[in-house]
Amino acid sequence: MARIKIIGLTGQSGAGKSTAARLFEENGFTVINADTLVRNIYTANPACLKAVAASFGQDIILPDGTLDRRLLASRAFSSAENTALLGALVHPFVLAETLKILKNVKGCAVLDAPQLFESNIDVICDRIVSVTADEAVRIRRITERDGISGEQAGERVSAQLSEDFFRTHSDDVIENNGSLAPFEQRLTELIQTIRTEVM
């Protein structure tokens, strides 16, 4: 992997990381979405799904053999301990798949990973970009996006790393507390800077 540069893209749930990933992709970067990898792993790797069910309950597996994602999320994000447990089970599979993909990438890749630090994938990144937003803003966005209660959204927020952690462990931090246009403008400026440096 010495021939490529790896940008780690992460941030708090509801902060706007997906928008950032979209802009990187629109600007010609190869984006590897960790959430998509996880969904594929649950489908293609029975060993991973069985390990998760053993810890979070067999009823997270639906009668057709697929994962009840909403039920798993409600349990995994109910506490920081449960979130860490899920990560410990799934992250090795995600890292293995990520490394497979990176073997075929040239130039620069962006790892879109909400749990970049928890999975220790940050150690292979040349630069880390984090997206943050105030807690109240994120809770509102999560409730609207996922159709869950404010209490459930608050549990997810509480189970995640603090904003201070992202700030002290990232090369670039983009705040997203307001409207979309200025957020996209700041991101575009950063992306152009990164493009100049690595592509």
N, C-alpha and C. Protein backbone atom coordinates (compact mmCIF):
# COMPACT_ATOMS: atom_id res chain seq x y z
N MET A 1 0.81 -1.21 0.00
CA MET A 1 0.00 0.00 0.00
C MET A 1 0.85 1.26 0.00
N ALA A 2 2.16 1.12 -0.14
CA ALA A 2 3.02 2.29 -0.12
C ALA A 2 2.76 3.19 -1.32
N ARG A 3 2.15 2.62 -2.37
CA ARG A 3 1.95 3.41 -3.59
C ARG A 3 0.74 4.33 -3.51
N ILE A 4 -0.08 4.23 -2.48
CA ILE A 4 -1.27 5.07 -2.39
C ILE A 4 -1.27 5.88 -1.10
N LYS A 5 -2.10 6.93 -1.10
CA LYS A 5 -2.33 7.72 0.09
C LYS A 5 -3.73 7.39 0.61
N ILE A 6 -3.86 7.33 1.91
CA ILE A 6 -5.14 6.96 2.50
C ILE A 6 -5.63 8.09 3.40
N ILE A 7 -6.82 8.58 3.09
CA ILE A 7 -7.47 9.61 3.90
C ILE A 7 -8.54 8.94 4.75
N GLY A 8 -8.46 9.11 6.04
CA GLY A 8 -9.49 8.59 6.93
C GLY A 8 -10.56 9.66 7.13
N LEU A 9 -11.79 9.33 6.80
CA LEU A 9 -12.92 10.25 6.97
C LEU A 9 -13.84 9.70 8.05
N THR A 10 -14.03 10.46 9.11
CA THR A 10 -14.83 9.97 10.22
C THR A 10 -15.59 11.13 10.86
N GLY A 11 -16.26 10.86 11.95
CA GLY A 11 -17.01 11.90 12.63
C GLY A 11 -18.18 11.32 13.40
N GLN A 12 -18.84 12.18 14.11
CA GLN A 12 -19.94 11.77 14.96
C GLN A 12 -21.21 11.52 14.14
N SER A 13 -22.04 10.61 14.59
CA SER A 13 -23.31 10.34 13.92
C SER A 13 -24.15 11.61 13.88
N GLY A 14 -24.68 11.91 12.71
CA GLY A 14 -25.51 13.10 12.55
C GLY A 14 -24.73 14.36 12.25
N ALA A 15 -23.41 14.27 12.13
CA ALA A 15 -22.61 15.47 11.89
C ALA A 15 -22.55 15.84 10.42
N GLY A 16 -22.67 14.85 9.53
CA GLY A 16 -22.62 15.16 8.11
C GLY A 16 -21.51 14.46 7.35
N LYS A 17 -21.03 13.36 7.90
CA LYS A 17 -19.93 12.63 7.26
C LYS A 17 -20.32 12.09 5.89
N SER A 18 -21.57 11.67 5.72
CA SER A 18 -22.01 11.13 4.44
C SER A 18 -21.94 12.18 3.34
N THR A 19 -22.26 13.42 3.69
CA THR A 19 -22.14 14.52 2.72
C THR A 19 -20.69 14.71 2.33
N ALA A 20 -19.81 14.63 3.31
CA ALA A 20 -18.38 14.77 3.03
C ALA A 20 -17.89 13.66 2.11
N ALA A 21 -18.34 12.44 2.37
CA ALA A 21 -17.93 11.31 1.52
C ALA A 21 -18.41 11.51 0.09
N ARG A 22 -19.64 11.99 -0.06
CA ARG A 22 -20.17 12.24 -1.40
C ARG A 22 -19.34 13.27 -2.15
N LEU A 23 -18.92 14.33 -1.46
CA LEU A 23 -18.11 15.36 -2.11
C LEU A 23 -16.73 14.84 -2.49
N PHE A 24 -16.15 14.01 -1.65
CA PHE A 24 -14.86 13.40 -2.02
C PHE A 24 -15.02 12.57 -3.29
N GLU A 25 -16.09 11.78 -3.34
CA GLU A 25 -16.33 10.93 -4.51
C GLU A 25 -16.56 11.77 -5.75
N GLU A 26 -17.33 12.84 -5.63
CA GLU A 26 -17.60 13.71 -6.77
C GLU A 26 -16.34 14.40 -7.27
N ASN A 27 -15.35 14.49 -6.40
CA ASN A 27 -14.08 15.12 -6.79
C ASN A 27 -13.02 14.10 -7.20
N GLY A 28 -13.46 12.89 -7.51
CA GLY A 28 -12.56 11.92 -8.12
C GLY A 28 -11.84 10.98 -7.19
N PHE A 29 -12.14 11.02 -5.90
CA PHE A 29 -11.49 10.12 -4.95
C PHE A 29 -12.22 8.77 -4.89
N THR A 30 -11.47 7.71 -4.73
CA THR A 30 -12.06 6.40 -4.45
C THR A 30 -12.48 6.37 -3.00
N VAL A 31 -13.77 6.17 -2.74
CA VAL A 31 -14.29 6.16 -1.37
C VAL A 31 -14.70 4.75 -0.99
N ILE A 32 -14.17 4.27 0.12
CA ILE A 32 -14.52 2.95 0.65
C ILE A 32 -15.41 3.17 1.86
N ASN A 33 -16.66 2.76 1.76
CA ASN A 33 -17.64 2.99 2.81
C ASN A 33 -17.67 1.81 3.77
N ALA A 34 -17.25 2.04 5.01
CA ALA A 34 -17.18 0.96 5.99
C ALA A 34 -18.56 0.39 6.33
N ASP A 35 -19.58 1.24 6.36
CA ASP A 35 -20.94 0.76 6.65
C ASP A 35 -21.43 -0.19 5.57
N THR A 36 -21.10 0.11 4.32
CA THR A 36 -21.48 -0.78 3.22
C THR A 36 -20.75 -2.11 3.34
N LEU A 37 -19.48 -2.04 3.72
CA LEU A 37 -18.72 -3.27 3.92
C LEU A 37 -19.35 -4.13 5.01
N VAL A 38 -19.78 -3.49 6.10
CA VAL A 38 -20.39 -4.23 7.19
C VAL A 38 -21.67 -4.92 6.72
N ARG A 39 -22.50 -4.19 5.99
CA ARG A 39 -23.74 -4.80 5.48
C ARG A 39 -23.44 -6.00 4.61
N ASN A 40 -22.44 -5.88 3.75
CA ASN A 40 -22.07 -7.00 2.88
C ASN A 40 -21.50 -8.16 3.67
N ILE A 41 -20.74 -7.84 4.71
CA ILE A 41 -20.14 -8.89 5.54
C ILE A 41 -21.22 -9.69 6.26
N TYR A 42 -22.22 -8.99 6.78
CA TYR A 42 -23.31 -9.69 7.47
C TYR A 42 -24.01 -10.67 6.52
N THR A 43 -24.08 -10.30 5.24
CA THR A 43 -24.75 -11.14 4.26
C THR A 43 -23.86 -12.28 3.77
N ALA A 44 -22.60 -11.95 3.51
CA ALA A 44 -21.70 -12.91 2.87
C ALA A 44 -20.87 -13.74 3.84
N ASN A 45 -20.81 -13.33 5.10
CA ASN A 45 -19.95 -14.03 6.05
C ASN A 45 -20.77 -14.51 7.24
N PRO A 46 -21.30 -15.71 7.18
CA PRO A 46 -22.13 -16.24 8.28
C PRO A 46 -21.40 -16.25 9.62
N ALA A 47 -20.09 -16.41 9.60
CA ALA A 47 -19.33 -16.46 10.85
C ALA A 47 -19.47 -15.15 11.62
N CYS A 48 -19.44 -14.03 10.91
CA CYS A 48 -19.57 -12.73 11.55
C CYS A 48 -20.97 -12.57 12.15
N LEU A 49 -21.99 -12.91 11.37
CA LEU A 49 -23.36 -12.78 11.83
C LEU A 49 -23.63 -13.67 13.05
N LYS A 50 -23.10 -14.86 13.03
CA LYS A 50 -23.28 -15.78 14.16
C LYS A 50 -22.60 -15.24 15.42
N ALA A 51 -21.42 -14.66 15.25
CA ALA A 51 -20.70 -14.11 16.40
C ALA A 51 -21.46 -12.95 17.01
N VAL A 52 -22.04 -12.10 16.16
CA VAL A 52 -22.81 -10.97 16.65
C VAL A 52 -24.08 -11.45 17.35
N ALA A 53 -24.76 -12.43 16.77
CA ALA A 53 -25.98 -12.97 17.37
C ALA A 53 -25.70 -13.63 18.71
N ALA A 54 -24.55 -14.26 18.84
CA ALA A 54 -24.19 -14.92 20.10
C ALA A 54 -24.07 -13.91 21.23
N SER A 55 -23.70 -12.68 20.89
CA SER A 55 -23.52 -11.66 21.92
C SER A 55 -24.74 -10.77 22.11
N PHE A 56 -25.52 -10.58 21.05
CA PHE A 56 -26.63 -9.63 21.12
C PHE A 56 -28.01 -10.28 21.01
N GLY A 57 -28.05 -11.61 20.92
CA GLY A 57 -29.33 -12.32 20.90
C GLY A 57 -29.64 -12.93 19.55
N GLN A 58 -30.09 -14.17 19.57
CA GLN A 58 -30.39 -14.86 18.32
C GLN A 58 -31.54 -14.21 17.57
N ASP A 59 -32.37 -13.45 18.29
CA ASP A 59 -33.53 -12.83 17.62
C ASP A 59 -33.15 -11.66 16.72
N ILE A 60 -31.86 -11.29 16.68
CA ILE A 60 -31.45 -10.26 15.72
C ILE A 60 -31.38 -10.84 14.32
N ILE A 61 -31.46 -12.17 14.21
CA ILE A 61 -31.49 -12.83 12.90
C ILE A 61 -32.95 -13.10 12.56
N LEU A 62 -33.40 -12.53 11.47
CA LEU A 62 -34.78 -12.69 11.03
C LEU A 62 -35.02 -14.11 10.48
N PRO A 63 -36.28 -14.52 10.36
CA PRO A 63 -36.59 -15.86 9.85
C PRO A 63 -35.96 -16.17 8.50
N ASP A 64 -35.74 -15.14 7.67
CA ASP A 64 -35.14 -15.38 6.35
C ASP A 64 -33.61 -15.43 6.42
N GLY A 65 -33.06 -15.33 7.64
CA GLY A 65 -31.62 -15.43 7.81
C GLY A 65 -30.87 -14.12 7.72
N THR A 66 -31.58 -13.02 7.47
CA THR A 66 -30.93 -11.71 7.39
C THR A 66 -30.94 -11.03 8.76
N LEU A 67 -30.20 -9.96 8.84
CA LEU A 67 -30.04 -9.25 10.10
C LEU A 67 -31.15 -8.23 10.32
N ASP A 68 -31.70 -8.22 11.53
CA ASP A 68 -32.63 -7.16 11.93
C ASP A 68 -31.77 -5.98 12.41
N ARG A 69 -31.44 -5.09 11.50
CA ARG A 69 -30.49 -4.01 11.78
C ARG A 69 -31.00 -3.06 12.86
N ARG A 70 -32.29 -2.79 12.84
CA ARG A 70 -32.85 -1.86 13.82
C ARG A 70 -32.75 -2.44 15.24
N LEU A 71 -33.04 -3.74 15.37
CA LEU A 71 -32.95 -4.37 16.69
C LEU A 71 -31.51 -4.41 17.18
N LEU A 72 -30.60 -4.76 16.28
CA LEU A 72 -29.19 -4.78 16.67
C LEU A 72 -28.73 -3.39 17.08
N ALA A 73 -29.12 -2.38 16.32
CA ALA A 73 -28.71 -1.02 16.64
C ALA A 73 -29.23 -0.60 18.01
N SER A 74 -30.47 -0.96 18.31
CA SER A 74 -31.04 -0.56 19.60
C SER A 74 -30.27 -1.16 20.76
N ARG A 75 -29.73 -2.35 20.57
CA ARG A 75 -28.96 -3.01 21.62
C ARG A 75 -27.50 -2.56 21.62
N ALA A 76 -26.92 -2.47 20.44
CA ALA A 76 -25.49 -2.15 20.36
C ALA A 76 -25.20 -0.72 20.78
N PHE A 77 -26.15 0.20 20.53
CA PHE A 77 -25.92 1.59 20.85
C PHE A 77 -26.57 2.01 22.18
N SER A 78 -26.99 1.02 22.96
CA SER A 78 -27.61 1.34 24.25
C SER A 78 -26.59 1.72 25.30
N SER A 79 -25.32 1.41 25.05
CA SER A 79 -24.26 1.77 25.98
C SER A 79 -22.93 1.77 25.25
N ALA A 80 -21.96 2.48 25.81
CA ALA A 80 -20.64 2.50 25.20
C ALA A 80 -20.02 1.11 25.21
N GLU A 81 -20.33 0.33 26.25
CA GLU A 81 -19.78 -1.02 26.36
C GLU A 81 -20.30 -1.92 25.23
N ASN A 82 -21.61 -1.82 24.96
CA ASN A 82 -22.18 -2.64 23.89
C ASN A 82 -21.68 -2.20 22.52
N THR A 83 -21.51 -0.90 22.35
CA THR A 83 -20.97 -0.41 21.09
C THR A 83 -19.56 -0.94 20.87
N ALA A 84 -18.76 -0.93 21.93
CA ALA A 84 -17.39 -1.44 21.84
C ALA A 84 -17.39 -2.94 21.56
N LEU A 85 -18.33 -3.66 22.16
CA LEU A 85 -18.41 -5.10 21.93
C LEU A 85 -18.72 -5.40 20.47
N LEU A 86 -19.70 -4.70 19.91
CA LEU A 86 -20.03 -4.92 18.50
C LEU A 86 -18.82 -4.62 17.62
N GLY A 87 -18.14 -3.54 17.94
CA GLY A 87 -16.96 -3.19 17.17
C GLY A 87 -15.89 -4.26 17.22
N ALA A 88 -15.66 -4.80 18.41
CA ALA A 88 -14.64 -5.84 18.57
C ALA A 88 -14.95 -7.07 17.73
N LEU A 89 -16.24 -7.35 17.55
CA LEU A 89 -16.65 -8.51 16.76
C LEU A 89 -16.54 -8.25 15.26
N VAL A 90 -16.90 -7.05 14.84
CA VAL A 90 -17.02 -6.76 13.41
C VAL A 90 -15.77 -6.15 12.79
N HIS A 91 -15.03 -5.35 13.54
CA HIS A 91 -13.91 -4.61 12.97
C HIS A 91 -12.86 -5.47 12.28
N PRO A 92 -12.50 -6.64 12.82
CA PRO A 92 -11.51 -7.45 12.10
C PRO A 92 -11.96 -7.84 10.69
N PHE A 93 -13.25 -8.12 10.53
CA PHE A 93 -13.78 -8.46 9.21
C PHE A 93 -13.72 -7.24 8.28
N VAL A 94 -14.03 -6.07 8.83
CA VAL A 94 -14.01 -4.84 8.03
C VAL A 94 -12.59 -4.51 7.59
N LEU A 95 -11.65 -4.65 8.50
CA LEU A 95 -10.26 -4.36 8.16
C LEU A 95 -9.76 -5.28 7.05
N ALA A 96 -10.10 -6.56 7.15
CA ALA A 96 -9.67 -7.52 6.13
C ALA A 96 -10.23 -7.15 4.76
N GLU A 97 -11.51 -6.78 4.70
CA GLU A 97 -12.12 -6.40 3.44
C GLU A 97 -11.54 -5.09 2.91
N THR A 98 -11.27 -4.16 3.82
CA THR A 98 -10.68 -2.88 3.41
C THR A 98 -9.31 -3.08 2.76
N LEU A 99 -8.50 -3.92 3.37
CA LEU A 99 -7.16 -4.17 2.82
C LEU A 99 -7.23 -4.83 1.46
N LYS A 100 -8.22 -5.71 1.26
CA LYS A 100 -8.40 -6.33 -0.05
C LYS A 100 -8.69 -5.28 -1.11
N ILE A 101 -9.57 -4.34 -0.78
CA ILE A 101 -9.95 -3.30 -1.74
C ILE A 101 -8.77 -2.38 -2.03
N LEU A 102 -8.02 -2.02 -0.99
CA LEU A 102 -6.91 -1.09 -1.16
C LEU A 102 -5.82 -1.64 -2.07
N LYS A 103 -5.71 -2.95 -2.16
CA LYS A 103 -4.71 -3.55 -3.04
C LYS A 103 -4.93 -3.17 -4.50
N ASN A 104 -6.17 -2.84 -4.84
CA ASN A 104 -6.52 -2.54 -6.23
C ASN A 104 -6.73 -1.05 -6.48
N VAL A 105 -6.39 -0.22 -5.49
CA VAL A 105 -6.57 1.23 -5.62
C VAL A 105 -5.24 1.88 -5.97
N LYS A 106 -5.28 2.84 -6.87
CA LYS A 106 -4.10 3.61 -7.20
C LYS A 106 -4.34 5.08 -6.87
N GLY A 107 -3.30 5.76 -6.48
CA GLY A 107 -3.43 7.19 -6.18
C GLY A 107 -3.81 7.45 -4.74
N CYS A 108 -5.12 7.63 -4.51
CA CYS A 108 -5.57 8.00 -3.16
C CYS A 108 -6.94 7.39 -2.89
N ALA A 109 -7.13 6.91 -1.68
CA ALA A 109 -8.41 6.35 -1.27
C ALA A 109 -8.89 7.05 -0.01
N VAL A 110 -10.21 7.17 0.12
CA VAL A 110 -10.82 7.74 1.30
C VAL A 110 -11.57 6.63 2.04
N LEU A 111 -11.21 6.41 3.29
CA LEU A 111 -11.91 5.43 4.12
C LEU A 111 -13.00 6.15 4.89
N ASP A 112 -14.23 5.95 4.48
CA ASP A 112 -15.40 6.55 5.11
C ASP A 112 -15.82 5.62 6.25
N ALA A 113 -15.36 5.91 7.46
CA ALA A 113 -15.53 4.97 8.57
C ALA A 113 -15.95 5.70 9.85
N PRO A 114 -17.20 5.53 10.28
CA PRO A 114 -17.64 6.19 11.50
C PRO A 114 -16.87 5.75 12.73
N GLN A 115 -16.34 4.53 12.71
CA GLN A 115 -15.56 4.03 13.84
C GLN A 115 -14.10 3.82 13.43
N LEU A 116 -13.57 4.80 12.77
CA LEU A 116 -12.19 4.74 12.29
C LEU A 116 -11.21 4.50 13.43
N PHE A 117 -11.39 5.22 14.53
CA PHE A 117 -10.46 5.10 15.66
C PHE A 117 -10.70 3.82 16.44
N GLU A 118 -11.97 3.50 16.68
CA GLU A 118 -12.29 2.32 17.47
C GLU A 118 -11.80 1.04 16.80
N SER A 119 -11.78 1.04 15.47
CA SER A 119 -11.34 -0.13 14.72
C SER A 119 -9.83 -0.17 14.52
N ASN A 120 -9.16 0.91 14.92
CA ASN A 120 -7.70 1.06 14.76
C ASN A 120 -7.27 1.16 13.30
N ILE A 121 -8.23 1.40 12.39
CA ILE A 121 -7.86 1.58 10.99
C ILE A 121 -7.16 2.92 10.78
N ASP A 122 -7.28 3.81 11.75
CA ASP A 122 -6.61 5.11 11.64
C ASP A 122 -5.09 4.97 11.50
N VAL A 123 -4.54 3.84 11.97
CA VAL A 123 -3.09 3.68 11.92
C VAL A 123 -2.56 3.55 10.49
N ILE A 124 -3.43 3.21 9.52
CA ILE A 124 -2.95 3.11 8.15
C ILE A 124 -3.24 4.37 7.34
N CYS A 125 -3.82 5.37 8.00
CA CYS A 125 -4.20 6.60 7.30
C CYS A 125 -3.07 7.62 7.29
N ASP A 126 -2.92 8.31 6.17
CA ASP A 126 -1.93 9.37 6.05
C ASP A 126 -2.47 10.70 6.56
N ARG A 127 -3.80 10.83 6.54
CA ARG A 127 -4.44 12.06 6.99
C ARG A 127 -5.84 11.72 7.46
N ILE A 128 -6.29 12.38 8.53
CA ILE A 128 -7.61 12.09 9.07
C ILE A 128 -8.45 13.35 9.08
N VAL A 129 -9.63 13.25 8.48
CA VAL A 129 -10.60 14.35 8.42
C VAL A 129 -11.82 13.95 9.25
N SER A 130 -12.19 14.78 10.21
CA SER A 130 -13.36 14.51 11.03
C SER A 130 -14.42 15.58 10.85
N VAL A 131 -15.67 15.15 10.84
CA VAL A 131 -16.81 16.06 10.75
C VAL A 131 -17.51 16.07 12.11
N THR A 132 -17.75 17.25 12.65
CA THR A 132 -18.37 17.36 13.97
C THR A 132 -19.56 18.32 13.92
N ALA A 133 -20.40 18.23 14.95
CA ALA A 133 -21.52 19.15 15.11
C ALA A 133 -21.93 19.12 16.58
N ASP A 134 -22.62 20.14 17.01
CA ASP A 134 -23.08 20.18 18.40
C ASP A 134 -24.03 19.03 18.69
N GLU A 135 -24.05 18.60 19.94
CA GLU A 135 -24.84 17.43 20.32
C GLU A 135 -26.32 17.59 20.00
N ALA A 136 -26.89 18.73 20.32
CA ALA A 136 -28.31 18.95 20.07
C ALA A 136 -28.63 18.87 18.58
N VAL A 137 -27.74 19.39 17.76
CA VAL A 137 -27.93 19.34 16.32
C VAL A 137 -27.90 17.90 15.83
N ARG A 138 -26.96 17.14 16.34
CA ARG A 138 -26.82 15.75 15.91
C ARG A 138 -28.02 14.91 16.34
N ILE A 139 -28.50 15.12 17.55
CA ILE A 139 -29.66 14.37 18.02
C ILE A 139 -30.88 14.65 17.14
N ARG A 140 -31.07 15.91 16.79
CA ARG A 140 -32.20 16.26 15.92
C ARG A 140 -32.06 15.59 14.56
N ARG A 141 -30.88 15.63 14.00
CA ARG A 141 -30.67 15.02 12.68
C ARG A 141 -30.87 13.51 12.72
N ILE A 142 -30.38 12.87 13.78
CA ILE A 142 -30.50 11.41 13.88
C ILE A 142 -31.96 11.00 14.01
N THR A 143 -32.73 11.73 14.81
CA THR A 143 -34.15 11.38 14.97
C THR A 143 -34.89 11.53 13.65
N GLU A 144 -34.56 12.57 12.89
CA GLU A 144 -35.22 12.79 11.60
C GLU A 144 -34.76 11.76 10.56
N ARG A 145 -33.50 11.43 10.58
CA ARG A 145 -32.93 10.51 9.59
C ARG A 145 -33.38 9.06 9.81
N ASP A 146 -33.34 8.63 11.07
CA ASP A 146 -33.56 7.22 11.39
C ASP A 146 -34.95 6.92 11.94
N GLY A 147 -35.76 7.96 12.16
CA GLY A 147 -37.10 7.74 12.66
C GLY A 147 -37.14 7.15 14.05
N ILE A 148 -36.22 7.58 14.91
CA ILE A 148 -36.18 7.09 16.28
C ILE A 148 -36.44 8.25 17.25
N SER A 149 -36.61 7.92 18.52
CA SER A 149 -36.91 8.94 19.51
C SER A 149 -35.65 9.73 19.86
N GLY A 150 -35.87 10.90 20.49
CA GLY A 150 -34.75 11.69 20.94
C GLY A 150 -33.92 10.96 21.98
N GLU A 151 -34.59 10.15 22.80
CA GLU A 151 -33.87 9.36 23.82
C GLU A 151 -32.96 8.33 23.17
N GLN A 152 -33.48 7.64 22.15
CA GLN A 152 -32.66 6.66 21.45
C GLN A 152 -31.48 7.32 20.74
N ALA A 153 -31.74 8.47 20.14
CA ALA A 153 -30.66 9.20 19.47
C ALA A 153 -29.62 9.64 20.49
N GLY A 154 -30.09 10.06 21.65
CA GLY A 154 -29.16 10.47 22.70
C GLY A 154 -28.28 9.32 23.16
N GLU A 155 -28.83 8.12 23.20
CA GLU A 155 -28.04 6.95 23.58
C GLU A 155 -26.93 6.70 22.57
N ARG A 156 -27.26 6.85 21.30
CA ARG A 156 -26.24 6.67 20.27
C ARG A 156 -25.12 7.70 20.41
N VAL A 157 -25.53 8.93 20.65
CA VAL A 157 -24.54 10.01 20.79
C VAL A 157 -23.64 9.76 22.00
N SER A 158 -24.23 9.33 23.09
CA SER A 158 -23.47 9.09 24.33
C SER A 158 -22.50 7.93 24.19
N ALA A 159 -22.82 6.99 23.30
CA ALA A 159 -21.97 5.82 23.13
C ALA A 159 -20.78 6.10 22.22
N GLN A 160 -20.71 7.28 21.63
CA GLN A 160 -19.65 7.61 20.69
C GLN A 160 -18.53 8.41 21.35
N LEU A 161 -17.43 8.52 20.64
CA LEU A 161 -16.31 9.32 21.12
C LEU A 161 -16.71 10.79 21.19
N SER A 162 -16.06 11.51 22.09
CA SER A 162 -16.39 12.92 22.29
C SER A 162 -15.83 13.78 21.17
N GLU A 163 -16.38 14.99 21.05
CA GLU A 163 -15.88 15.92 20.05
C GLU A 163 -14.41 16.27 20.33
N ASP A 164 -14.06 16.38 21.60
CA ASP A 164 -12.67 16.67 21.95
C ASP A 164 -11.73 15.59 21.42
N PHE A 165 -12.18 14.35 21.48
CA PHE A 165 -11.34 13.26 20.96
C PHE A 165 -11.09 13.44 19.47
N PHE A 166 -12.16 13.71 18.73
CA PHE A 166 -12.00 13.89 17.29
C PHE A 166 -11.07 15.06 16.99
N ARG A 167 -11.20 16.13 17.77
CA ARG A 167 -10.37 17.30 17.52
C ARG A 167 -8.89 17.03 17.78
N THR A 168 -8.60 16.27 18.81
CA THR A 168 -7.20 16.03 19.17
C THR A 168 -6.56 14.90 18.38
N HIS A 169 -7.36 14.12 17.66
CA HIS A 169 -6.81 12.98 16.92
C HIS A 169 -6.96 13.13 15.40
N SER A 170 -7.35 14.30 14.94
CA SER A 170 -7.57 14.51 13.51
C SER A 170 -6.66 15.60 12.97
N ASP A 171 -6.35 15.48 11.70
CA ASP A 171 -5.56 16.52 11.04
C ASP A 171 -6.43 17.70 10.62
N ASP A 172 -7.69 17.39 10.29
CA ASP A 172 -8.63 18.43 9.87
C ASP A 172 -9.98 18.16 10.52
N VAL A 173 -10.62 19.21 11.02
CA VAL A 173 -11.95 19.09 11.62
C VAL A 173 -12.86 20.11 10.95
N ILE A 174 -13.98 19.62 10.41
CA ILE A 174 -14.96 20.48 9.75
C ILE A 174 -16.24 20.47 10.57
N GLU A 175 -16.66 21.64 11.04
CA GLU A 175 -17.90 21.74 11.82
C GLU A 175 -19.10 21.89 10.88
N ASN A 176 -20.22 21.33 11.30
CA ASN A 176 -21.42 21.38 10.48
C ASN A 176 -22.64 21.62 11.36
N ASN A 177 -22.75 22.84 11.86
CA ASN A 177 -23.87 23.20 12.73
C ASN A 177 -24.96 24.00 12.01
N GLY A 178 -24.65 24.46 10.81
CA GLY A 178 -25.60 25.33 10.13
C GLY A 178 -26.18 24.73 8.87
N SER A 179 -26.34 25.55 7.86
CA SER A 179 -26.95 25.11 6.61
C SER A 179 -25.93 24.36 5.76
N LEU A 180 -26.43 23.70 4.72
CA LEU A 180 -25.60 22.82 3.91
C LEU A 180 -24.57 23.57 3.07
N ALA A 181 -24.95 24.71 2.50
CA ALA A 181 -24.07 25.41 1.55
C ALA A 181 -22.70 25.78 2.14
N PRO A 182 -22.64 26.45 3.30
CA PRO A 182 -21.32 26.79 3.83
C PRO A 182 -20.50 25.57 4.24
N PHE A 183 -21.20 24.52 4.70
CA PHE A 183 -20.52 23.28 5.05
C PHE A 183 -19.87 22.67 3.82
N GLU A 184 -20.61 22.61 2.72
CA GLU A 184 -20.07 22.05 1.49
C GLU A 184 -18.93 22.91 0.96
N GLN A 185 -19.02 24.23 1.15
CA GLN A 185 -17.96 25.11 0.69
C GLN A 185 -16.66 24.84 1.44
N ARG A 186 -16.76 24.71 2.76
CA ARG A 186 -15.56 24.41 3.56
C ARG A 186 -14.97 23.06 3.17
N LEU A 187 -15.84 22.09 2.94
CA LEU A 187 -15.36 20.77 2.54
C LEU A 187 -14.68 20.82 1.18
N THR A 188 -15.28 21.53 0.25
CA THR A 188 -14.71 21.62 -1.09
C THR A 188 -13.32 22.25 -1.05
N GLU A 189 -13.16 23.27 -0.24
CA GLU A 189 -11.85 23.91 -0.11
C GLU A 189 -10.82 22.93 0.46
N LEU A 190 -11.23 22.16 1.47
CA LEU A 190 -10.31 21.17 2.05
C LEU A 190 -9.98 20.08 1.04
N ILE A 191 -10.98 19.62 0.32
CA ILE A 191 -10.76 18.56 -0.67
C ILE A 191 -9.79 19.02 -1.75
N GLN A 192 -9.93 20.26 -2.18
CA GLN A 192 -9.01 20.77 -3.20
C GLN A 192 -7.58 20.84 -2.66
N THR A 193 -7.44 21.20 -1.39
CA THR A 193 -6.11 21.23 -0.78
C THR A 193 -5.52 19.82 -0.75
N ILE A 194 -6.32 18.86 -0.34
CA ILE A 194 -5.85 17.46 -0.28
C ILE A 194 -5.52 16.96 -1.67
N ARG A 195 -6.37 17.29 -2.65
CA ARG A 195 -6.11 16.86 -4.03
C ARG A 195 -4.76 17.35 -4.50
N THR A 196 -4.45 18.62 -4.21
CA THR A 196 -3.18 19.19 -4.62
C THR A 196 -1.99 18.46 -4.00
N GLU A 197 -2.19 18.02 -2.76
CA GLU A 197 -1.09 17.39 -2.03
C GLU A 197 -0.87 15.92 -2.41
N VAL A 198 -1.95 15.20 -2.74
CA VAL A 198 -1.81 13.76 -2.87
C VAL A 198 -2.12 13.19 -4.24
N MET A 199 -2.70 14.00 -5.13
CA MET A 199 -3.09 13.42 -6.42
C MET A 199 -2.31 14.06 -7.57
